[in-house]
Amino acid sequence: ESGGGLVQAGGSLRLSCAASGSTFSN
């Protein structure tokens, strides 16, 4: 995972989760 952090109330964040090692669509 990545994309976390500190944000003020009302704000936005976008988290990402990168997968590896196997067929992701499974």
mmCIF file of all heavy atoms, coordinates in Angstrom:
data_MODEL
# 
_entry.id   MODEL 
# 
loop_
_atom_site.group_PDB 
_atom_site.id 
_atom_site.type_symbol 
_atom_site.label_atom_id 
_atom_site.label_alt_id 
_atom_site.label_comp_id 
_atom_site.label_asym_id 
_atom_site.label_entity_id 
_atom_site.label_seq_id 
_atom_site.pdbx_PDB_ins_code 
_atom_site.Cartn_x 
_atom_site.Cartn_y 
_atom_site.Cartn_z 
_atom_site.occupancy 
_atom_site.B_iso_or_equiv 
_atom_site.pdbx_formal_charge 
_atom_site.auth_seq_id 
_atom_site.auth_comp_id 
_atom_site.auth_asym_id 
_atom_site.auth_atom_id 
_atom_site.pdbx_PDB_model_num 
ATOM 1   N N   . GLU A 1 1  ? 0.831   -1.204  0.000   1.00 0.00 ? 1  GLU A N   1 
ATOM 2   C CA  . GLU A 1 1  ? 0.000   0.000   0.000   1.00 0.00 ? 1  GLU A CA  1 
ATOM 3   C C   . GLU A 1 1  ? 0.863   1.250   0.000   1.00 0.00 ? 1  GLU A C   1 
ATOM 4   O O   . GLU A 1 1  ? 1.985   1.247   0.502   1.00 0.00 ? 1  GLU A O   1 
ATOM 5   C CB  . GLU A 1 1  ? -0.898  0.039   1.237   1.00 0.00 ? 1  GLU A CB  1 
ATOM 6   C CG  . GLU A 1 1  ? -1.839  -1.139  1.413   1.00 0.00 ? 1  GLU A CG  1 
ATOM 7   C CD  . GLU A 1 1  ? -1.265  -2.216  2.300   1.00 0.00 ? 1  GLU A CD  1 
ATOM 8   O OE1 . GLU A 1 1  ? -0.032  -2.282  2.434   1.00 0.00 ? 1  GLU A OE1 1 
ATOM 9   O OE2 . GLU A 1 1  ? -2.040  -2.995  2.871   1.00 0.00 ? 1  GLU A OE2 1 
ATOM 10  N N   . SER A 1 2  ? 0.300   2.327   -0.532  1.00 0.00 ? 2  SER A N   1 
ATOM 11  C CA  . SER A 1 2  ? 0.943   3.638   -0.491  1.00 0.00 ? 2  SER A CA  1 
ATOM 12  C C   . SER A 1 2  ? -0.123  4.710   -0.570  1.00 0.00 ? 2  SER A C   1 
ATOM 13  O O   . SER A 1 2  ? -1.286  4.426   -0.876  1.00 0.00 ? 2  SER A O   1 
ATOM 14  C CB  . SER A 1 2  ? 1.938   3.793   -1.648  1.00 0.00 ? 2  SER A CB  1 
ATOM 15  O OG  . SER A 1 2  ? 1.275   3.701   -2.891  1.00 0.00 ? 2  SER A OG  1 
ATOM 16  N N   . GLY A 1 3  ? 0.283   5.945   -0.290  1.00 0.00 ? 3  GLY A N   1 
ATOM 17  C CA  . GLY A 1 3  ? -0.631  7.073   -0.441  1.00 0.00 ? 3  GLY A CA  1 
ATOM 18  C C   . GLY A 1 3  ? -1.210  7.626   0.836   1.00 0.00 ? 3  GLY A C   1 
ATOM 19  O O   . GLY A 1 3  ? -1.932  8.619   0.817   1.00 0.00 ? 3  GLY A O   1 
ATOM 20  N N   . GLY A 1 4  ? -0.905  6.989   1.958   1.00 0.00 ? 4  GLY A N   1 
ATOM 21  C CA  . GLY A 1 4  ? -1.403  7.504   3.219   1.00 0.00 ? 4  GLY A CA  1 
ATOM 22  C C   . GLY A 1 4  ? -0.701  8.798   3.612   1.00 0.00 ? 4  GLY A C   1 
ATOM 23  O O   . GLY A 1 4  ? 0.258   9.226   2.966   1.00 0.00 ? 4  GLY A O   1 
ATOM 24  N N   . GLY A 1 5  ? -1.214  9.423   4.673   1.00 0.00 ? 5  GLY A N   1 
ATOM 25  C CA  . GLY A 1 5  ? -0.611  10.653  5.147   1.00 0.00 ? 5  GLY A CA  1 
ATOM 26  C C   . GLY A 1 5  ? -1.515  11.397  6.096   1.00 0.00 ? 5  GLY A C   1 
ATOM 27  O O   . GLY A 1 5  ? -2.514  10.856  6.580   1.00 0.00 ? 5  GLY A O   1 
ATOM 28  N N   . LEU A 1 6  ? -1.140  12.638  6.343   1.00 0.00 ? 6  LEU A N   1 
ATOM 29  C CA  . LEU A 1 6  ? -1.894  13.526  7.228   1.00 0.00 ? 6  LEU A CA  1 
ATOM 30  C C   . LEU A 1 6  ? -2.686  14.511  6.385   1.00 0.00 ? 6  LEU A C   1 
ATOM 31  O O   . LEU A 1 6  ? -2.126  15.166  5.486   1.00 0.00 ? 6  LEU A O   1 
ATOM 32  C CB  . LEU A 1 6  ? -0.934  14.257  8.160   1.00 0.00 ? 6  LEU A CB  1 
ATOM 33  C CG  . LEU A 1 6  ? -1.533  15.342  9.055   1.00 0.00 ? 6  LEU A CG  1 
ATOM 34  C CD1 . LEU A 1 6  ? -2.507  14.736  10.049  1.00 0.00 ? 6  LEU A CD1 1 
ATOM 35  C CD2 . LEU A 1 6  ? -0.409  16.091  9.777   1.00 0.00 ? 6  LEU A CD2 1 
ATOM 36  N N   . VAL A 1 7  ? -3.968  14.627  6.681   1.00 0.00 ? 7  VAL A N   1 
ATOM 37  C CA  . VAL A 1 7  ? -4.830  15.530  5.911   1.00 0.00 ? 7  VAL A CA  1 
ATOM 38  C C   . VAL A 1 7  ? -5.830  16.175  6.861   1.00 0.00 ? 7  VAL A C   1 
ATOM 39  O O   . VAL A 1 7  ? -6.192  15.578  7.890   1.00 0.00 ? 7  VAL A O   1 
ATOM 40  C CB  . VAL A 1 7  ? -5.540  14.760  4.772   1.00 0.00 ? 7  VAL A CB  1 
ATOM 41  C CG1 . VAL A 1 7  ? -6.470  13.697  5.327   1.00 0.00 ? 7  VAL A CG1 1 
ATOM 42  C CG2 . VAL A 1 7  ? -6.254  15.698  3.826   1.00 0.00 ? 7  VAL A CG2 1 
ATOM 43  N N   . GLN A 1 8  ? -6.274  17.364  6.529   1.00 0.00 ? 8  GLN A N   1 
ATOM 44  C CA  . GLN A 1 8  ? -7.283  18.032  7.338   1.00 0.00 ? 8  GLN A CA  1 
ATOM 45  C C   . GLN A 1 8  ? -8.665  17.471  7.025   1.00 0.00 ? 8  GLN A C   1 
ATOM 46  O O   . GLN A 1 8  ? -8.916  16.952  5.918   1.00 0.00 ? 8  GLN A O   1 
ATOM 47  C CB  . GLN A 1 8  ? -7.270  19.528  7.077   1.00 0.00 ? 8  GLN A CB  1 
ATOM 48  C CG  . GLN A 1 8  ? -6.063  20.250  7.661   1.00 0.00 ? 8  GLN A CG  1 
ATOM 49  C CD  . GLN A 1 8  ? -6.170  21.751  7.545   1.00 0.00 ? 8  GLN A CD  1 
ATOM 50  O OE1 . GLN A 1 8  ? -6.835  22.277  6.652   1.00 0.00 ? 8  GLN A OE1 1 
ATOM 51  N NE2 . GLN A 1 8  ? -5.525  22.459  8.452   1.00 0.00 ? 8  GLN A NE2 1 
ATOM 52  N N   . ALA A 1 9  ? -9.542  17.580  7.987   1.00 0.00 ? 9  ALA A N   1 
ATOM 53  C CA  . ALA A 1 9  ? -10.930 17.153  7.771   1.00 0.00 ? 9  ALA A CA  1 
ATOM 54  C C   . ALA A 1 9  ? -11.505 17.857  6.548   1.00 0.00 ? 9  ALA A C   1 
ATOM 55  O O   . ALA A 1 9  ? -11.277 19.046  6.335   1.00 0.00 ? 9  ALA A O   1 
ATOM 56  C CB  . ALA A 1 9  ? -11.769 17.463  9.007   1.00 0.00 ? 9  ALA A CB  1 
ATOM 57  N N   . GLY A 1 10 ? -12.219 17.085  5.740   1.00 0.00 ? 10 GLY A N   1 
ATOM 58  C CA  . GLY A 1 10 ? -12.761 17.605  4.497   1.00 0.00 ? 10 GLY A CA  1 
ATOM 59  C C   . GLY A 1 10 ? -11.868 17.390  3.296   1.00 0.00 ? 10 GLY A C   1 
ATOM 60  O O   . GLY A 1 10 ? -12.310 17.588  2.153   1.00 0.00 ? 10 GLY A O   1 
ATOM 61  N N   . GLY A 1 11 ? -10.633 16.984  3.549   1.00 0.00 ? 11 GLY A N   1 
ATOM 62  C CA  . GLY A 1 11 ? -9.680  16.770  2.477   1.00 0.00 ? 11 GLY A CA  1 
ATOM 63  C C   . GLY A 1 11 ? -9.811  15.404  1.827   1.00 0.00 ? 11 GLY A C   1 
ATOM 64  O O   . GLY A 1 11 ? -10.719 14.625  2.149   1.00 0.00 ? 11 GLY A O   1 
ATOM 65  N N   . SER A 1 12 ? -8.879  15.132  0.928   1.00 0.00 ? 12 SER A N   1 
ATOM 66  C CA  . SER A 1 12 ? -8.904  13.894  0.146   1.00 0.00 ? 12 SER A CA  1 
ATOM 67  C C   . SER A 1 12 ? -7.539  13.232  0.129   1.00 0.00 ? 12 SER A C   1 
ATOM 68  O O   . SER A 1 12 ? -6.506  13.900  0.252   1.00 0.00 ? 12 SER A O   1 
ATOM 69  C CB  . SER A 1 12 ? -9.325  14.187  -1.303  1.00 0.00 ? 12 SER A CB  1 
ATOM 70  O OG  . SER A 1 12 ? -10.617 14.744  -1.373  1.00 0.00 ? 12 SER A OG  1 
ATOM 71  N N   . LEU A 1 13 ? -7.571  11.924  -0.014  1.00 0.00 ? 13 LEU A N   1 
ATOM 72  C CA  . LEU A 1 13 ? -6.375  11.122  -0.239  1.00 0.00 ? 13 LEU A CA  1 
ATOM 73  C C   . LEU A 1 13 ? -6.726  10.011  -1.213  1.00 0.00 ? 13 LEU A C   1 
ATOM 74  O O   . LEU A 1 13 ? -7.877  9.551   -1.253  1.00 0.00 ? 13 LEU A O   1 
ATOM 75  C CB  . LEU A 1 13 ? -5.853  10.510  1.055   1.00 0.00 ? 13 LEU A CB  1 
ATOM 76  C CG  . LEU A 1 13 ? -5.090  11.387  2.035   1.00 0.00 ? 13 LEU A CG  1 
ATOM 77  C CD1 . LEU A 1 13 ? -4.807  10.600  3.321   1.00 0.00 ? 13 LEU A CD1 1 
ATOM 78  C CD2 . LEU A 1 13 ? -3.803  11.909  1.445   1.00 0.00 ? 13 LEU A CD2 1 
ATOM 79  N N   . ARG A 1 14 ? -5.715  9.559   -1.929  1.00 0.00 ? 14 ARG A N   1 
ATOM 80  C CA  . ARG A 1 14 ? -5.892  8.395   -2.802  1.00 0.00 ? 14 ARG A CA  1 
ATOM 81  C C   . ARG A 1 14 ? -4.884  7.335   -2.413  1.00 0.00 ? 14 ARG A C   1 
ATOM 82  O O   . ARG A 1 14 ? -3.668  7.557   -2.538  1.00 0.00 ? 14 ARG A O   1 
ATOM 83  C CB  . ARG A 1 14 ? -5.698  8.769   -4.263  1.00 0.00 ? 14 ARG A CB  1 
ATOM 84  C CG  . ARG A 1 14 ? -6.057  7.659   -5.235  1.00 0.00 ? 14 ARG A CG  1 
ATOM 85  C CD  . ARG A 1 14 ? -5.524  7.946   -6.612  1.00 0.00 ? 14 ARG A CD  1 
ATOM 86  N NE  . ARG A 1 14 ? -6.130  7.132   -7.650  1.00 0.00 ? 14 ARG A NE  1 
ATOM 87  C CZ  . ARG A 1 14 ? -5.586  6.915   -8.841  1.00 0.00 ? 14 ARG A CZ  1 
ATOM 88  N NH1 . ARG A 1 14 ? -4.427  7.459   -9.148  1.00 0.00 ? 14 ARG A NH1 1 
ATOM 89  N NH2 . ARG A 1 14 ? -6.220  6.180   -9.746  1.00 0.00 ? 14 ARG A NH2 1 
ATOM 90  N N   . LEU A 1 15 ? -5.374  6.219   -1.949  1.00 0.00 ? 15 LEU A N   1 
ATOM 91  C CA  . LEU A 1 15 ? -4.518  5.093   -1.613  1.00 0.00 ? 15 LEU A CA  1 
ATOM 92  C C   . LEU A 1 15 ? -4.360  4.189   -2.822  1.00 0.00 ? 15 LEU A C   1 
ATOM 93  O O   . LEU A 1 15 ? -5.298  4.017   -3.605  1.00 0.00 ? 15 LEU A O   1 
ATOM 94  C CB  . LEU A 1 15 ? -5.106  4.297   -0.455  1.00 0.00 ? 15 LEU A CB  1 
ATOM 95  C CG  . LEU A 1 15 ? -5.423  5.070   0.824   1.00 0.00 ? 15 LEU A CG  1 
ATOM 96  C CD1 . LEU A 1 15 ? -5.903  4.103   1.916   1.00 0.00 ? 15 LEU A CD1 1 
ATOM 97  C CD2 . LEU A 1 15 ? -4.251  5.887   1.305   1.00 0.00 ? 15 LEU A CD2 1 
ATOM 98  N N   . SER A 1 16 ? -3.185  3.606   -2.933  1.00 0.00 ? 16 SER A N   1 
ATOM 99  C CA  . SER A 1 16 ? -2.901  2.621   -3.959  1.00 0.00 ? 16 SER A CA  1 
ATOM 100 C C   . SER A 1 16 ? -2.405  1.347   -3.314  1.00 0.00 ? 16 SER A C   1 
ATOM 101 O O   . SER A 1 16 ? -1.782  1.382   -2.251  1.00 0.00 ? 16 SER A O   1 
ATOM 102 C CB  . SER A 1 16 ? -1.841  3.138   -4.936  1.00 0.00 ? 16 SER A CB  1 
ATOM 103 O OG  . SER A 1 16 ? -2.268  4.306   -5.589  1.00 0.00 ? 16 SER A OG  1 
ATOM 104 N N   . CYS A 1 17 ? -2.670  0.240   -3.971  1.00 0.00 ? 17 CYS A N   1 
ATOM 105 C CA  . CYS A 1 17 ? -2.169  -1.053  -3.519  1.00 0.00 ? 17 CYS A CA  1 
ATOM 106 C C   . CYS A 1 17 ? -1.645  -1.778  -4.748  1.00 0.00 ? 17 CYS A C   1 
ATOM 107 O O   . CYS A 1 17 ? -2.423  -2.156  -5.626  1.00 0.00 ? 17 CYS A O   1 
ATOM 108 C CB  . CYS A 1 17 ? -3.258  -1.841  -2.828  1.00 0.00 ? 17 CYS A CB  1 
ATOM 109 S SG  . CYS A 1 17 ? -2.806  -3.543  -2.422  1.00 0.00 ? 17 CYS A SG  1 
ATOM 110 N N   . ALA A 1 18 ? -0.327  -1.949  -4.802  1.00 0.00 ? 18 ALA A N   1 
ATOM 111 C CA  . ALA A 1 18 ? 0.312   -2.609  -5.935  1.00 0.00 ? 18 ALA A CA  1 
ATOM 112 C C   . ALA A 1 18 ? 0.497   -4.085  -5.628  1.00 0.00 ? 18 ALA A C   1 
ATOM 113 O O   . ALA A 1 18 ? 1.016   -4.442  -4.555  1.00 0.00 ? 18 ALA A O   1 
ATOM 114 C CB  . ALA A 1 18 ? 1.645   -1.951  -6.232  1.00 0.00 ? 18 ALA A CB  1 
ATOM 115 N N   . ALA A 1 19 ? 0.102   -4.915  -6.567  1.00 0.00 ? 19 ALA A N   1 
ATOM 116 C CA  . ALA A 1 19 ? 0.193   -6.364  -6.397  1.00 0.00 ? 19 ALA A CA  1 
ATOM 117 C C   . ALA A 1 19 ? 1.266   -6.934  -7.301  1.00 0.00 ? 19 ALA A C   1 
ATOM 118 O O   . ALA A 1 19 ? 1.497   -6.442  -8.416  1.00 0.00 ? 19 ALA A O   1 
ATOM 119 C CB  . ALA A 1 19 ? -1.147  -7.008  -6.708  1.00 0.00 ? 19 ALA A CB  1 
ATOM 120 N N   . SER A 1 20 ? 1.902   -7.982  -6.830  1.00 0.00 ? 20 SER A N   1 
ATOM 121 C CA  . SER A 1 20 ? 2.909   -8.672  -7.635  1.00 0.00 ? 20 SER A CA  1 
ATOM 122 C C   . SER A 1 20 ? 2.947   -10.137 -7.249  1.00 0.00 ? 20 SER A C   1 
ATOM 123 O O   . SER A 1 20 ? 2.463   -10.531 -6.181  1.00 0.00 ? 20 SER A O   1 
ATOM 124 C CB  . SER A 1 20 ? 4.293   -8.042  -7.431  1.00 0.00 ? 20 SER A CB  1 
ATOM 125 O OG  . SER A 1 20 ? 4.702   -8.160  -6.083  1.00 0.00 ? 20 SER A OG  1 
ATOM 126 N N   . GLY A 1 21 ? 3.497   -10.955 -8.135  1.00 0.00 ? 21 GLY A N   1 
ATOM 127 C CA  . GLY A 1 21 ? 3.733   -12.345 -7.823  1.00 0.00 ? 21 GLY A CA  1 
ATOM 128 C C   . GLY A 1 21 ? 2.680   -13.310 -8.299  1.00 0.00 ? 21 GLY A C   1 
ATOM 129 O O   . GLY A 1 21 ? 2.870   -14.522 -8.204  1.00 0.00 ? 21 GLY A O   1 
ATOM 130 N N   . SER A 1 22 ? 1.571   -12.788 -8.776  1.00 0.00 ? 22 SER A N   1 
ATOM 131 C CA  . SER A 1 22 ? 0.506   -13.678 -9.230  1.00 0.00 ? 22 SER A CA  1 
ATOM 132 C C   . SER A 1 22 ? -0.417  -12.898 -10.152 1.00 0.00 ? 22 SER A C   1 
ATOM 133 O O   . SER A 1 22 ? -0.283  -11.682 -10.293 1.00 0.00 ? 22 SER A O   1 
ATOM 134 C CB  . SER A 1 22 ? -0.268  -14.209 -8.025  1.00 0.00 ? 22 SER A CB  1 
ATOM 135 O OG  . SER A 1 22 ? -1.192  -15.201 -8.415  1.00 0.00 ? 22 SER A OG  1 
ATOM 136 N N   . THR A 1 23 ? -1.350  -13.593 -10.784 1.00 0.00 ? 23 THR A N   1 
ATOM 137 C CA  . THR A 1 23 ? -2.267  -12.938 -11.722 1.00 0.00 ? 23 THR A CA  1 
ATOM 138 C C   . THR A 1 23 ? -3.284  -12.116 -10.954 1.00 0.00 ? 23 THR A C   1 
ATOM 139 O O   . THR A 1 23 ? -4.180  -12.651 -10.290 1.00 0.00 ? 23 THR A O   1 
ATOM 140 C CB  . THR A 1 23 ? -2.975  -13.979 -12.590 1.00 0.00 ? 23 THR A CB  1 
ATOM 141 O OG1 . THR A 1 23 ? -2.000  -14.770 -13.272 1.00 0.00 ? 23 THR A OG1 1 
ATOM 142 C CG2 . THR A 1 23 ? -3.867  -13.290 -13.612 1.00 0.00 ? 23 THR A CG2 1 
ATOM 143 N N   . PHE A 1 24 ? -3.150  -10.813 -11.039 1.00 0.00 ? 24 PHE A N   1 
ATOM 144 C CA  . PHE A 1 24 ? -3.944  -9.887  -10.226 1.00 0.00 ? 24 PHE A CA  1 
ATOM 145 C C   . PHE A 1 24 ? -5.438  -10.058 -10.462 1.00 0.00 ? 24 PHE A C   1 
ATOM 146 O O   . PHE A 1 24 ? -6.234  -10.004 -9.511  1.00 0.00 ? 24 PHE A O   1 
ATOM 147 C CB  . PHE A 1 24 ? -3.512  -8.462  -10.557 1.00 0.00 ? 24 PHE A CB  1 
ATOM 148 C CG  . PHE A 1 24 ? -4.217  -7.394  -9.768  1.00 0.00 ? 24 PHE A CG  1 
ATOM 149 C CD1 . PHE A 1 24 ? -4.101  -7.327  -8.396  1.00 0.00 ? 24 PHE A CD1 1 
ATOM 150 C CD2 . PHE A 1 24 ? -4.999  -6.446  -10.412 1.00 0.00 ? 24 PHE A CD2 1 
ATOM 151 C CE1 . PHE A 1 24 ? -4.743  -6.335  -7.667  1.00 0.00 ? 24 PHE A CE1 1 
ATOM 152 C CE2 . PHE A 1 24 ? -5.650  -5.451  -9.705  1.00 0.00 ? 24 PHE A CE2 1 
ATOM 153 C CZ  . PHE A 1 24 ? -5.513  -5.399  -8.326  1.00 0.00 ? 24 PHE A CZ  1 
ATOM 154 N N   . SER A 1 25 ? -5.835  -10.300 -11.689 1.00 0.00 ? 25 SER A N   1 
ATOM 155 C CA  . SER A 1 25 ? -7.260  -10.382 -12.003 1.00 0.00 ? 25 SER A CA  1 
ATOM 156 C C   . SER A 1 25 ? -7.930  -11.636 -11.429 1.00 0.00 ? 25 SER A C   1 
ATOM 157 O O   . SER A 1 25 ? -9.146  -11.780 -11.527 1.00 0.00 ? 25 SER A O   1 
ATOM 158 C CB  . SER A 1 25 ? -7.475  -10.324 -13.513 1.00 0.00 ? 25 SER A CB  1 
ATOM 159 O OG  . SER A 1 25 ? -6.783  -11.368 -14.148 1.00 0.00 ? 25 SER A OG  1 
ATOM 160 N N   . ASN A 1 26 ? -7.161  -12.518 -10.825 1.00 0.00 ? 26 ASN A N   1 
ATOM 161 C CA  . ASN A 1 26 ? -7.727  -13.701 -10.177 1.00 0.00 ? 26 ASN A CA  1 
ATOM 162 C C   . ASN A 1 26 ? -8.275  -13.407 -8.787  1.00 0.00 ? 26 ASN A C   1 
ATOM 163 O O   . ASN A 1 26 ? -8.895  -14.262 -8.167  1.00 0.00 ? 26 ASN A O   1 
ATOM 164 C CB  . ASN A 1 26 ? -6.686  -14.809 -10.045 1.00 0.00 ? 26 ASN A CB  1 
ATOM 165 C CG  . ASN A 1 26 ? -6.377  -15.475 -11.371 1.00 0.00 ? 26 ASN A CG  1 
ATOM 166 O OD1 . ASN A 1 26 ? -7.120  -15.338 -12.338 1.00 0.00 ? 26 ASN A OD1 1 
ATOM 167 N ND2 . ASN A 1 26 ? -5.269  -16.198 -11.422 1.00 0.00 ? 26 ASN A ND2 1 
# 
